[in-house]
């Protein structure tokens, strides 16, 4: 198991980890928390484990895969719910 696997890191946190820095000027803790909540909501709606969007070894979040999943979820749930998830991500 990769180190950190299963943790819903935001892209900003991955950027910090990739650069081996504990802080970046652009890091915004509330924004990262909102991203993580959005990932939990997306997992609940899509039934796809959030880990599927992460490459923990390269510190990357596959935003295109997330976008495709949001599009597929849009077919099953109300537009207001999906719009909320989309804004969080």
N, C-alpha and C. Protein backbone atom coordinates (compact mmCIF):
# COMPACT_ATOMS: atom_id res chain seq x y z
N UNK A 1 0.85 -1.18 0.00
CA UNK A 1 0.00 0.00 0.00
C UNK A 1 0.89 1.24 0.00
N UNK A 2 0.57 2.20 -0.86
CA UNK A 2 1.33 3.44 -0.94
C UNK A 2 1.11 4.26 0.32
N UNK A 3 2.10 5.01 0.66
CA UNK A 3 2.01 5.89 1.82
C UNK A 3 0.94 6.95 1.54
N UNK A 4 0.01 7.12 2.46
CA UNK A 4 -1.03 8.13 2.30
C UNK A 4 -2.25 7.66 1.53
N UNK A 5 -2.21 6.44 1.02
CA UNK A 5 -3.33 5.95 0.21
C UNK A 5 -4.60 5.94 1.04
N UNK A 6 -5.67 6.39 0.44
CA UNK A 6 -6.96 6.44 1.13
C UNK A 6 -7.25 7.81 1.71
N UNK A 7 -6.28 8.69 1.72
CA UNK A 7 -6.49 10.04 2.23
C UNK A 7 -6.88 10.93 1.05
N UNK A 8 -7.93 11.72 1.22
CA UNK A 8 -8.43 12.55 0.13
C UNK A 8 -7.70 13.89 0.10
N UNK A 9 -6.49 13.87 -0.39
CA UNK A 9 -5.69 15.08 -0.50
C UNK A 9 -6.26 15.99 -1.59
N UNK A 10 -6.17 17.28 -1.36
CA UNK A 10 -6.52 18.22 -2.42
C UNK A 10 -5.32 18.37 -3.34
N UNK A 11 -5.53 18.87 -4.55
CA UNK A 11 -4.39 19.10 -5.45
C UNK A 11 -3.34 20.03 -4.83
N UNK A 12 -3.78 20.99 -4.00
CA UNK A 12 -2.82 21.90 -3.36
C UNK A 12 -1.93 21.18 -2.36
N UNK A 13 -2.49 20.24 -1.62
CA UNK A 13 -1.68 19.48 -0.68
C UNK A 13 -0.70 18.59 -1.43
N UNK A 14 -1.16 17.97 -2.52
CA UNK A 14 -0.24 17.17 -3.33
C UNK A 14 0.90 18.02 -3.87
N UNK A 15 0.60 19.26 -4.23
CA UNK A 15 1.65 20.15 -4.72
C UNK A 15 2.69 20.38 -3.63
N UNK A 16 2.23 20.58 -2.39
CA UNK A 16 3.16 20.74 -1.26
C UNK A 16 4.01 19.48 -1.08
N UNK A 17 3.37 18.33 -1.12
CA UNK A 17 4.08 17.07 -0.93
C UNK A 17 5.10 16.82 -2.04
N UNK A 18 4.70 17.14 -3.27
CA UNK A 18 5.59 16.94 -4.41
C UNK A 18 6.84 17.81 -4.31
N UNK A 19 6.68 19.03 -3.80
CA UNK A 19 7.82 19.95 -3.67
C UNK A 19 8.52 19.81 -2.32
N UNK A 20 8.06 18.82 -1.52
CA UNK A 20 8.64 18.56 -0.20
C UNK A 20 8.67 19.81 0.67
N UNK A 21 7.57 20.56 0.59
CA UNK A 21 7.42 21.75 1.42
C UNK A 21 6.22 21.53 2.34
N UNK A 22 6.31 22.10 3.51
CA UNK A 22 5.18 21.98 4.42
C UNK A 22 4.14 23.06 4.17
N UNK A 23 4.54 24.12 3.50
CA UNK A 23 3.60 25.20 3.21
C UNK A 23 3.91 25.83 1.86
N UNK A 24 2.87 26.21 1.19
CA UNK A 24 2.99 27.01 -0.01
C UNK A 24 2.13 28.25 0.19
N UNK A 25 2.50 29.33 -0.38
CA UNK A 25 1.74 30.56 -0.23
C UNK A 25 0.31 30.38 -0.72
N UNK A 26 0.11 29.56 -1.75
CA UNK A 26 -1.22 29.39 -2.34
C UNK A 26 -2.08 28.39 -1.58
N UNK A 27 -1.53 27.70 -0.56
CA UNK A 27 -2.29 26.70 0.17
C UNK A 27 -3.37 27.36 1.01
N UNK A 28 -4.59 26.87 0.87
CA UNK A 28 -5.75 27.41 1.58
C UNK A 28 -6.46 26.25 2.26
N UNK A 29 -6.28 26.07 3.59
CA UNK A 29 -6.87 24.91 4.28
C UNK A 29 -8.38 24.76 4.08
N UNK A 30 -9.19 25.82 4.20
CA UNK A 30 -10.63 25.63 3.98
C UNK A 30 -10.95 25.14 2.56
N UNK A 31 -10.22 25.66 1.58
CA UNK A 31 -10.45 25.24 0.20
C UNK A 31 -10.11 23.76 0.04
N UNK A 32 -9.05 23.31 0.67
CA UNK A 32 -8.68 21.89 0.62
C UNK A 32 -9.73 21.02 1.30
N UNK A 33 -10.28 21.51 2.41
CA UNK A 33 -11.34 20.76 3.10
C UNK A 33 -12.59 20.65 2.24
N UNK A 34 -12.94 21.71 1.55
CA UNK A 34 -14.11 21.69 0.66
C UNK A 34 -13.90 20.69 -0.46
N UNK A 35 -12.68 20.65 -1.01
CA UNK A 35 -12.37 19.69 -2.06
C UNK A 35 -12.57 18.27 -1.54
N UNK A 36 -12.09 17.99 -0.34
CA UNK A 36 -12.23 16.64 0.23
C UNK A 36 -13.69 16.27 0.45
N UNK A 37 -14.49 17.21 0.90
CA UNK A 37 -15.92 16.95 1.08
C UNK A 37 -16.57 16.68 -0.28
N UNK A 38 -16.17 17.44 -1.30
CA UNK A 38 -16.67 17.20 -2.65
C UNK A 38 -16.33 15.81 -3.15
N UNK A 39 -15.12 15.35 -2.82
CA UNK A 39 -14.71 14.00 -3.23
C UNK A 39 -15.56 12.93 -2.53
N UNK A 40 -15.88 13.15 -1.25
CA UNK A 40 -16.74 12.21 -0.52
C UNK A 40 -18.13 12.18 -1.15
N UNK A 41 -18.65 13.35 -1.48
CA UNK A 41 -19.98 13.42 -2.12
C UNK A 41 -19.97 12.73 -3.48
N UNK A 42 -18.90 12.94 -4.24
CA UNK A 42 -18.79 12.29 -5.56
C UNK A 42 -18.72 10.78 -5.41
N UNK A 43 -17.97 10.31 -4.42
CA UNK A 43 -17.89 8.87 -4.18
C UNK A 43 -19.26 8.30 -3.82
N UNK A 44 -20.00 9.01 -3.00
CA UNK A 44 -21.34 8.54 -2.61
C UNK A 44 -22.29 8.48 -3.81
N UNK A 45 -22.20 9.46 -4.70
CA UNK A 45 -23.10 9.50 -5.85
C UNK A 45 -22.70 8.53 -6.96
N UNK A 46 -21.40 8.34 -7.14
CA UNK A 46 -20.93 7.52 -8.26
C UNK A 46 -20.65 6.07 -7.87
N UNK A 47 -20.47 5.85 -6.56
CA UNK A 47 -20.07 4.54 -6.05
C UNK A 47 -18.70 4.11 -6.57
N UNK A 48 -17.88 5.09 -6.94
CA UNK A 48 -16.49 4.85 -7.35
C UNK A 48 -15.61 5.35 -6.21
N UNK A 49 -14.74 4.47 -5.73
CA UNK A 49 -13.83 4.86 -4.64
C UNK A 49 -13.02 6.08 -5.04
N UNK A 50 -12.91 7.03 -4.15
CA UNK A 50 -12.15 8.25 -4.42
C UNK A 50 -10.70 7.96 -4.77
N UNK A 51 -10.16 6.87 -4.25
CA UNK A 51 -8.77 6.50 -4.54
C UNK A 51 -8.52 6.32 -6.04
N UNK A 52 -9.56 6.04 -6.80
CA UNK A 52 -9.42 5.83 -8.24
C UNK A 52 -8.95 7.09 -8.97
N UNK A 53 -9.11 8.24 -8.34
CA UNK A 53 -8.74 9.51 -8.97
C UNK A 53 -7.34 9.98 -8.59
N UNK A 54 -6.69 9.22 -7.72
CA UNK A 54 -5.41 9.66 -7.17
C UNK A 54 -4.26 8.78 -7.65
N UNK A 55 -3.12 9.43 -7.92
CA UNK A 55 -1.86 8.73 -8.13
C UNK A 55 -0.96 9.19 -6.98
N UNK A 56 -0.95 8.37 -5.93
CA UNK A 56 -0.23 8.74 -4.72
C UNK A 56 1.29 8.74 -4.90
N UNK A 57 1.78 7.99 -5.86
CA UNK A 57 3.21 7.95 -6.09
C UNK A 57 3.72 9.20 -6.80
N UNK A 58 2.88 9.78 -7.67
CA UNK A 58 3.28 10.97 -8.44
C UNK A 58 2.66 12.25 -7.90
N UNK A 59 1.91 12.15 -6.80
CA UNK A 59 1.26 13.30 -6.19
C UNK A 59 0.36 14.03 -7.19
N UNK A 60 -0.49 13.28 -7.86
CA UNK A 60 -1.39 13.85 -8.86
C UNK A 60 -2.83 13.44 -8.59
N UNK A 61 -3.74 14.36 -8.90
CA UNK A 61 -5.17 14.08 -8.88
C UNK A 61 -5.63 14.14 -10.32
N UNK A 62 -6.31 13.10 -10.79
CA UNK A 62 -6.77 13.03 -12.17
C UNK A 62 -8.07 13.81 -12.32
N UNK A 63 -7.93 15.11 -12.56
CA UNK A 63 -9.10 15.99 -12.66
C UNK A 63 -9.97 15.66 -13.88
N UNK A 64 -9.39 15.14 -14.94
CA UNK A 64 -10.21 14.79 -16.11
C UNK A 64 -11.10 13.59 -15.79
N UNK A 65 -10.60 12.63 -15.03
CA UNK A 65 -11.40 11.49 -14.60
C UNK A 65 -12.52 11.95 -13.66
N UNK A 66 -12.21 12.90 -12.78
CA UNK A 66 -13.22 13.46 -11.90
C UNK A 66 -14.31 14.15 -12.72
N UNK A 67 -13.90 14.92 -13.70
CA UNK A 67 -14.86 15.63 -14.56
C UNK A 67 -15.79 14.67 -15.30
N UNK A 68 -15.24 13.59 -15.81
CA UNK A 68 -16.06 12.59 -16.51
C UNK A 68 -17.05 11.94 -15.55
N UNK A 69 -16.62 11.69 -14.33
CA UNK A 69 -17.51 11.09 -13.35
C UNK A 69 -18.63 12.06 -12.97
N UNK A 70 -18.30 13.33 -12.81
CA UNK A 70 -19.32 14.34 -12.51
C UNK A 70 -20.35 14.38 -13.63
N UNK A 71 -19.89 14.28 -14.87
CA UNK A 71 -20.81 14.27 -16.02
C UNK A 71 -21.73 13.06 -15.97
N UNK A 72 -21.21 11.89 -15.62
CA UNK A 72 -22.05 10.69 -15.56
C UNK A 72 -23.02 10.76 -14.39
N UNK A 73 -22.60 11.35 -13.29
CA UNK A 73 -23.47 11.50 -12.12
C UNK A 73 -24.62 12.46 -12.44
N UNK A 74 -24.36 13.42 -13.30
CA UNK A 74 -25.37 14.41 -13.69
C UNK A 74 -26.61 13.74 -14.29
N UNK A 75 -26.44 12.56 -14.89
CA UNK A 75 -27.56 11.85 -15.51
C UNK A 75 -28.48 11.19 -14.48
N UNK A 76 -27.98 11.02 -13.24
CA UNK A 76 -28.75 10.31 -12.22
C UNK A 76 -29.28 11.16 -11.09
N UNK A 77 -28.70 12.32 -10.88
CA UNK A 77 -29.06 13.14 -9.72
C UNK A 77 -29.47 14.54 -10.17
N UNK A 78 -30.06 15.28 -9.25
CA UNK A 78 -30.53 16.62 -9.56
C UNK A 78 -29.37 17.53 -9.95
N UNK A 79 -29.68 18.48 -10.80
CA UNK A 79 -28.62 19.39 -11.26
C UNK A 79 -28.09 20.23 -10.11
N UNK A 80 -28.92 20.56 -9.13
CA UNK A 80 -28.43 21.36 -8.01
C UNK A 80 -27.40 20.60 -7.17
N UNK A 81 -27.62 19.30 -6.97
CA UNK A 81 -26.65 18.49 -6.22
C UNK A 81 -25.34 18.38 -7.00
N UNK A 82 -25.45 18.07 -8.27
CA UNK A 82 -24.23 17.88 -9.07
C UNK A 82 -23.49 19.21 -9.25
N UNK A 83 -24.23 20.29 -9.40
CA UNK A 83 -23.57 21.61 -9.49
C UNK A 83 -22.80 21.94 -8.21
N UNK A 84 -23.38 21.57 -7.06
CA UNK A 84 -22.69 21.78 -5.79
C UNK A 84 -21.39 20.98 -5.74
N UNK A 85 -21.47 19.70 -6.12
CA UNK A 85 -20.26 18.86 -6.14
C UNK A 85 -19.22 19.44 -7.10
N UNK A 86 -19.68 19.85 -8.28
CA UNK A 86 -18.78 20.40 -9.29
C UNK A 86 -18.08 21.67 -8.77
N UNK A 87 -18.79 22.52 -8.06
CA UNK A 87 -18.18 23.74 -7.52
C UNK A 87 -17.16 23.42 -6.43
N UNK A 88 -17.39 22.32 -5.69
CA UNK A 88 -16.48 21.95 -4.62
C UNK A 88 -15.16 21.39 -5.17
N UNK A 89 -15.23 20.82 -6.36
CA UNK A 89 -14.05 20.21 -6.94
C UNK A 89 -13.41 21.19 -7.89
